[in-house]
C-alpha atoms as a PDB file:
ATOM      1  CA  MET A   1      -0.051   0.452  -0.414  1.00  0.00           C
ATOM      2  CA  GLU A   2       1.465   4.036  -1.051  1.00  0.00           C
ATOM      3  CA  TRP A   3       1.045   6.566   1.035  1.00  0.00           C
ATOM      4  CA  SER A   4       1.037   9.938  -0.060  1.00  0.00           C
ATOM      5  CA  ALA A   5       2.720  13.115   2.121  1.00  0.00           C
ATOM      6  CA  HIS A   6      -0.365  14.532   3.133  1.00  0.00           C
ATOM      7  CA  PRO A   7      -0.996  13.401   6.909  1.00  0.00           C
ATOM      8  CA  LEU A   8      -4.833  13.183   6.628  1.00  0.00           C
ATOM      9  CA  SER A   9      -4.114   9.849   3.549  1.00  0.00           C
ATOM     10  CA  LEU A  10      -2.224   7.812   6.717  1.00  0.00           C
ATOM     11  CA  PRO A  11      -4.169   5.119   8.210  1.00  0.00           C
ATOM     12  CA  HIS A  12      -5.863   6.406  11.282  1.00  0.00           C
ATOM     13  CA  THR A  13      -2.762   4.224  13.171  1.00  0.00           C
ATOM     14  CA  HIS A  14      -0.692   7.053  11.935  1.00  0.00           C
ATOM     15  CA  ARG A  15      -2.549  10.092  12.074  1.00  0.00           C
ATOM     16  CA  SER A  16      -2.930   9.401  15.868  1.00  0.00           C
ATOM     17  CA  SER A  17       0.388   9.322  16.710  1.00  0.00           C
ATOM     18  CA  LEU A  18       1.337  12.527  14.122  1.00  0.00           C
ATOM     19  CA  ALA A  19      -1.513  14.391  15.593  1.00  0.00           C
ATOM     20  CA  LEU A  20       0.246  12.613  19.089  1.00  0.00           C
ATOM     21  CA  ALA A  21       3.382  13.747  18.385  1.00  0.00           C
ATOM     22  CA  ALA A  22       2.151  17.430  16.549  1.00  0.00           C
ATOM     23  CA  HIS A  23       0.954  17.905  20.505  1.00  0.00           C
ATOM     24  CA  SER A  24       3.440  16.560  21.875  1.00  0.00           C
ATOM     25  CA  HIS A  25       5.244  19.345  20.549  1.00  0.00           C
ATOM     26  CA  VAL A  26       2.664  22.296  21.432  1.00  0.00           C
ATOM     27  CA  MET A  27       2.919  21.285  24.655  1.00  0.00           C
ATOM     28  CA  ARG A  28       6.741  21.723  25.221  1.00  0.00           C
ATOM     29  CA  ARG A  29       6.544  25.105  23.726  1.00  0.00           C
ATOM     30  CA  THR A  30       3.621  26.579  25.658  1.00  0.00           C
ATOM     31  CA  ASN A  31       5.493  24.997  28.710  1.00  0.00           C
ATOM     32  CA  GLU A  32       8.900  26.181  28.346  1.00  0.00           C
ATOM     33  CA  ARG A  33       7.151  29.793  27.274  1.00  0.00           C
ATOM     34  CA  ASN A  34       5.660  30.179  30.747  1.00  0.00           C
ATOM     35  CA  LEU A  35       8.870  28.987  31.676  1.00  0.00           C
ATOM     36  CA  ALA A  36      10.441  32.095  30.464  1.00  0.00           C
ATOM     37  CA  ARG A  37       7.606  34.439  30.989  1.00  0.00           C
ATOM     38  CA  GLY A  38       7.739  32.987  35.035  1.00  0.00           C
ATOM     39  CA  LEU A  39      11.872  33.857  35.041  1.00  0.00           C
ATOM     40  CA  LEU A  40      10.525  37.551  33.456  1.00  0.00           C
ATOM     41  CA  LEU A  41       8.251  37.850  36.028  1.00  0.00           C
ATOM     42  CA  VAL A  42      10.883  36.842  38.833  1.00  0.00           C
ATOM     43  CA  SER A  43      13.387  38.542  37.324  1.00  0.00           C
ATOM     44  CA  SER A  44      11.521  41.844  37.367  1.00  0.00           C
ATOM     45  CA  ALA A  45      10.773  41.622  40.601  1.00  0.00           C
ATOM     46  CA  VAL A  46      14.534  42.443  41.669  1.00  0.00           C
ATOM     47  CA  PRO A  47      15.376  45.496  39.901  1.00  0.00           C
ATOM     48  CA  LEU A  48      11.440  46.364  41.517  1.00  0.00           C
ATOM     49  CA  VAL A  49      12.503  45.450  45.196  1.00  0.00           C
ATOM     50  CA  VAL A  50      16.097  46.819  44.897  1.00  0.00           C
ATOM     51  CA  GLY A  51      15.274  50.136  43.619  1.00  0.00           C
ATOM     52  CA  LEU A  52      12.373  51.044  45.932  1.00  0.00           C
ATOM     53  CA  SER A  53      14.105  49.872  48.641  1.00  0.00           C
ATOM     54  CA  TYR A  54      17.600  51.911  47.699  1.00  0.00           C
ATOM     55  CA  ALA A  55      14.519  55.198  47.316  1.00  0.00           C
ATOM     56  CA  ALA A  56      13.144  55.064  50.278  1.00  0.00           C
ATOM     57  CA  VAL A  57      15.597  54.201  52.479  1.00  0.00           C
ATOM     58  CA  SER A  58      17.640  57.322  50.215  1.00  0.00           C
ATOM     59  CA  LEU A  59      13.725  59.547  50.858  1.00  0.00           C
ATOM     60  CA  HIS A  60      15.153  58.647  54.417  1.00  0.00           C
ATOM     61  CA  ASP A  61      18.015  60.067  54.472  1.00  0.00           C
ATOM     62  CA  ILE A  62      16.409  62.829  52.838  1.00  0.00           C
ATOM     63  CA  VAL A  63      13.986  63.625  55.091  1.00  0.00           C
ATOM     64  CA  ALA A  64      14.526  62.045  58.157  1.00  0.00           C
ATOM     65  CA  PRO A  65      18.447  62.514  58.599  1.00  0.00           C
ATOM     66  CA  SER A  66      20.263  60.807  61.575  1.00  0.00           C
ATOM     67  CA  ALA A  67      23.789  60.946  62.363  1.00  0.00           C
ATOM     68  CA  ARG A  68      23.945  57.475  60.721  1.00  0.00           C
ATOM     69  CA  PHE A  69      23.170  57.661  56.864  1.00  0.00           C
ATOM     70  CA  ILE A  70      21.854  54.382  55.861  1.00  0.00           C
ATOM     71  CA  VAL A  71      22.547  54.518  51.635  1.00  0.00           C
ATOM     72  CA  PRO A  72      25.515  57.269  51.749  1.00  0.00           C
ATOM     73  CA  PRO A  73      28.161  55.389  53.462  1.00  0.00           C
ATOM     74  CA  VAL A  74      30.244  58.652  54.528  1.00  0.00           C
ATOM     75  CA  THR A  75      31.207  59.841  57.590  1.00  0.00           C
ATOM     76  CA  GLY A  76      30.169  62.927  59.072  1.00  0.00           C
ATOM     77  CA  ALA A  77      33.615  64.511  58.107  1.00  0.00           C
ATOM     78  CA  ALA A  78      32.315  64.068  54.279  1.00  0.00           C
ATOM     79  CA  LYS A  79      29.208  65.150  54.771  1.00  0.00           C
ATOM     80  CA  ALA A  80      30.143  68.996  56.147  1.00  0.00           C
ATOM     81  CA  ILE A  81      32.905  69.194  53.595  1.00  0.00           C
ATOM     82  CA  MET A  82      30.306  68.016  50.805  1.00  0.00           C
ATOM     83  CA  SER A  83      27.398  70.177  52.271  1.00  0.00           C
ATOM     84  CA  SER A  84      29.460  73.169  52.500  1.00  0.00           C
ATOM     85  CA  THR A  85      30.590  72.367  48.262  1.00  0.00           C
ATOM     86  CA  PRO A  86      28.698  74.531  46.153  1.00  0.00           C
ATOM     87  CA  LEU A  87      28.165  72.596  42.580  1.00  0.00           C
ATOM     88  CA  LEU A  88      29.263  74.955  39.621  1.00  0.00           C
ATOM     89  CA  MET A  89      26.549  74.583  37.604  1.00  0.00           C
ATOM     90  CA  ASP A  90      24.076  75.976  40.756  1.00  0.00           C
ATOM     91  CA  SER A  91      25.706  78.302  43.153  1.00  0.00           C
ATOM     92  CA  SER A  92      22.199  77.449  45.745  1.00  0.00           C
ATOM     93  CA  ALA A  93      22.942  73.613  45.644  1.00  0.00           C
ATOM     94  CA  ASN A  94      25.555  71.448  46.688  1.00  0.00           C
ATOM     95  CA  LEU A  95      27.985  68.436  46.588  1.00  0.00           C
ATOM     96  CA  TRP A  96      25.928  66.341  49.529  1.00  0.00           C
ATOM     97  CA  SER A  97      22.196  67.324  48.401  1.00  0.00           C
ATOM     98  CA  SER A  98      22.866  66.488  44.571  1.00  0.00           C
ATOM     99  CA  TYR A  99      24.130  62.976  46.108  1.00  0.00           C
ATOM    100  CA  LEU A 100      21.110  62.476  48.294  1.00  0.00           C
ATOM    101  CA  GLY A 101      19.621  63.353  44.962  1.00  0.00           C
ATOM    102  CA  ALA A 102      21.162  61.174  42.243  1.00  0.00           C
ATOM    103  CA  ASN A 103      20.646  58.193  45.666  1.00  0.00           C
ATOM    104  CA  LEU A 104      16.780  59.113  44.919  1.00  0.00           C
ATOM    105  CA  THR A 105      16.332  59.076  41.280  1.00  0.00           C
ATOM    106  CA  HIS A 106      19.088  55.838  40.982  1.00  0.00           C
ATOM    107  CA  GLY A 107      16.483  53.784  43.339  1.00  0.00           C
ATOM    108  CA  ILE A 108      13.530  55.243  41.269  1.00  0.00           C
ATOM    109  CA  GLY A 109      15.228  54.791  37.617  1.00  0.00           C
ATOM    110  CA  ILE A 110      15.505  50.816  38.972  1.00  0.00           C
ATOM    111  CA  ALA A 111      12.074  50.466  40.222  1.00  0.00           C
ATOM    112  CA  VAL A 112      11.252  51.565  36.271  1.00  0.00           C
ATOM    113  CA  ILE A 113      12.184  49.198  34.704  1.00  0.00           C
ATOM    114  CA  GLY A 114      11.413  46.245  37.160  1.00  0.00           C
ATOM    115  CA  ALA A 115       7.840  47.962  36.712  1.00  0.00           C
ATOM    116  CA  THR A 116       7.805  48.371  32.870  1.00  0.00           C
ATOM    117  CA  THR A 117       9.166  44.278  32.299  1.00  0.00           C
ATOM    118  CA  LEU A 118       7.019  42.629  35.421  1.00  0.00           C
ATOM    119  CA  TYR A 119       4.386  44.685  33.544  1.00  0.00           C
ATOM    120  CA  LEU A 120       4.328  43.932  29.753  1.00  0.00           C
ATOM    121  CA  GLY A 121       5.694  40.074  31.475  1.00  0.00           C
ATOM    122  CA  SER A 122       2.347  39.957  33.432  1.00  0.00           C
ATOM    123  CA  GLN A 123      -0.355  41.892  31.218  1.00  0.00           C
ATOM    124  CA  HIS A 124       1.104  41.907  27.904  1.00  0.00           C
ATOM    125  CA  TRP A 125       2.504  38.449  27.341  1.00  0.00           C
ATOM    126  CA  ARG A 126       1.716  37.110  23.898  1.00  0.00           C
ATOM    127  CA  TYR A 127       2.953  40.634  22.181  1.00  0.00           C
ATOM    128  CA  VAL A 128       6.375  40.389  24.709  1.00  0.00           C
ATOM    129  CA  ARG A 129       6.890  36.675  22.812  1.00  0.00           C
ATOM    130  CA  ASP A 130       6.166  38.171  19.368  1.00  0.00           C
ATOM    131  CA  HIS A 131       7.173  41.038  18.759  1.00  0.00           C
ATOM    132  CA  CYS A 132       9.178  42.470  21.149  1.00  0.00           C
ATOM    133  CA  ARG A 133      12.015  40.076  22.529  1.00  0.00           C
ATOM    134  CA  MET A 134      14.663  42.916  22.651  1.00  0.00           C
ATOM    135  CA  LEU A 135      13.038  44.701  25.489  1.00  0.00           C
ATOM    136  CA  VAL A 136      14.134  41.649  27.401  1.00  0.00           C
ATOM    137  CA  PRO A 137      17.926  41.660  26.665  1.00  0.00           C
ATOM    138  CA  ALA A 138      17.648  45.634  27.222  1.00  0.00           C
ATOM    139  CA  ALA A 139      16.277  45.426  29.744  1.00  0.00           C
ATOM    140  CA  ALA A 140      18.867  43.133  31.397  1.00  0.00           C
ATOM    141  CA  ALA A 141      21.674  45.375  29.475  1.00  0.00           C
ATOM    142  CA  ALA A 142      20.143  48.014  31.970  1.00  0.00           C
ATOM    143  CA  THR A 143      19.773  46.367  34.830  1.00  0.00           C
ATOM    144  CA  LEU A 144      24.062  45.429  34.410  1.00  0.00           C
ATOM    145  CA  ALA A 145      24.868  48.671  34.225  1.00  0.00           C
ATOM    146  CA  LEU A 146      22.966  49.862  37.526  1.00  0.00           C
ATOM    147  CA  GLY A 147      24.657  46.614  39.377  1.00  0.00           C
ATOM    148  CA  ALA A 148      27.905  47.065  38.301  1.00  0.00           C
ATOM    149  CA  THR A 149      27.595  51.605  38.869  1.00  0.00           C
ATOM    150  CA  THR A 150      25.477  50.339  42.474  1.00  0.00           C
ATOM    151  CA  THR A 151      28.620  47.880  43.346  1.00  0.00           C
ATOM    152  CA  TYR A 152      31.349  50.230  42.848  1.00  0.00           C
ATOM    153  CA  PHE A 153      29.750  53.176  43.297  1.00  0.00           C
ATOM    154  CA  MET A 154      27.650  53.130  46.079  1.00  0.00           C
ATOM    155  CA  SER A 155      26.499  49.710  47.759  1.00  0.00           C
ATOM    156  CA  THR A 156      27.518  46.320  47.116  1.00  0.00           C
ATOM    157  CA  LEU A 157      24.402  44.408  48.196  1.00  0.00           C
ATOM    158  CA  PRO A 158      22.181  45.595  45.574  1.00  0.00           C
ATOM    159  CA  GLY A 159      24.049  46.343  43.017  1.00  0.00           C
ATOM    160  CA  VAL A 160      25.342  42.308  43.457  1.00  0.00           C
ATOM    161  CA  ALA A 161      20.944  41.715  43.816  1.00  0.00           C
ATOM    162  CA  LEU A 162      20.584  43.787  40.385  1.00  0.00           C
ATOM    163  CA  LEU A 163      23.409  41.388  38.721  1.00  0.00           C
ATOM    164  CA  VAL A 164      21.707  38.363  39.721  1.00  0.00           C
ATOM    165  CA  GLY A 165      18.582  39.791  38.311  1.00  0.00           C
ATOM    166  CA  SER A 166      20.443  41.194  35.288  1.00  0.00           C
ATOM    167  CA  GLY A 167      20.994  37.558  34.565  1.00  0.00           C
ATOM    168  CA  ALA A 168      18.119  36.229  35.579  1.00  0.00           C
ATOM    169  CA  TYR A 169      16.447  38.095  32.788  1.00  0.00           C
ATOM    170  CA  LEU A 170      18.804  36.819  30.581  1.00  0.00           C
ATOM    171  CA  ILE A 171      18.186  33.346  31.653  1.00  0.00           C
ATOM    172  CA  SER A 172      14.865  34.713  30.487  1.00  0.00           C
ATOM    173  CA  TRP A 173      15.267  35.864  26.774  1.00  0.00           C
ATOM    174  CA  VAL A 174      17.300  32.639  26.290  1.00  0.00           C
ATOM    175  CA  VAL A 175      14.534  30.709  27.467  1.00  0.00           C
ATOM    176  CA  LEU A 176      12.079  32.503  25.193  1.00  0.00           C
ATOM    177  CA  VAL A 177      14.507  32.831  22.144  1.00  0.00           C
ATOM    178  CA  ALA A 178      14.772  28.358  22.763  1.00  0.00           C
ATOM    179  CA  SER A 179      10.915  27.627  22.685  1.00  0.00           C
ATOM    180  CA  ASP A 180      10.648  28.681  19.187  1.00  0.00           C
END
């Protein structure tokens, strides 16, 4: 008996096994895509939590400064010198207030990256999956850059957390690309 290349022309038993194989392939891709989405959501939580925490403690140092500053790793003498040093661009501002403001905006920026990818991954996953794949490596690159600068210039713990988050973004992207 000779069969044509079309699957529906095969005997019933062969059609069933082809349908089962096709279904198995679709389920594997679906599971891999769900894994990529889950990894993206977990990855998004890292910069969101780190950024909000960093912004909150920076805001605390601005609004209710105490003898021990949470974010800026400086001594009281360094604070006094920074407070008395005006900026060249604006003499009404000083180096200390600019430093605290930079810490606050740094934390907000980190949180925005996490919030954006969390929102897109949870509410618009199909669009991200099909059309916007470069969003994930872009978020990984931004988180990597912020993590490196945070680790080098400011504080080790949030910086390392951001570096881990960047790696998690990249893993979710690799799983997403491999699912096709």
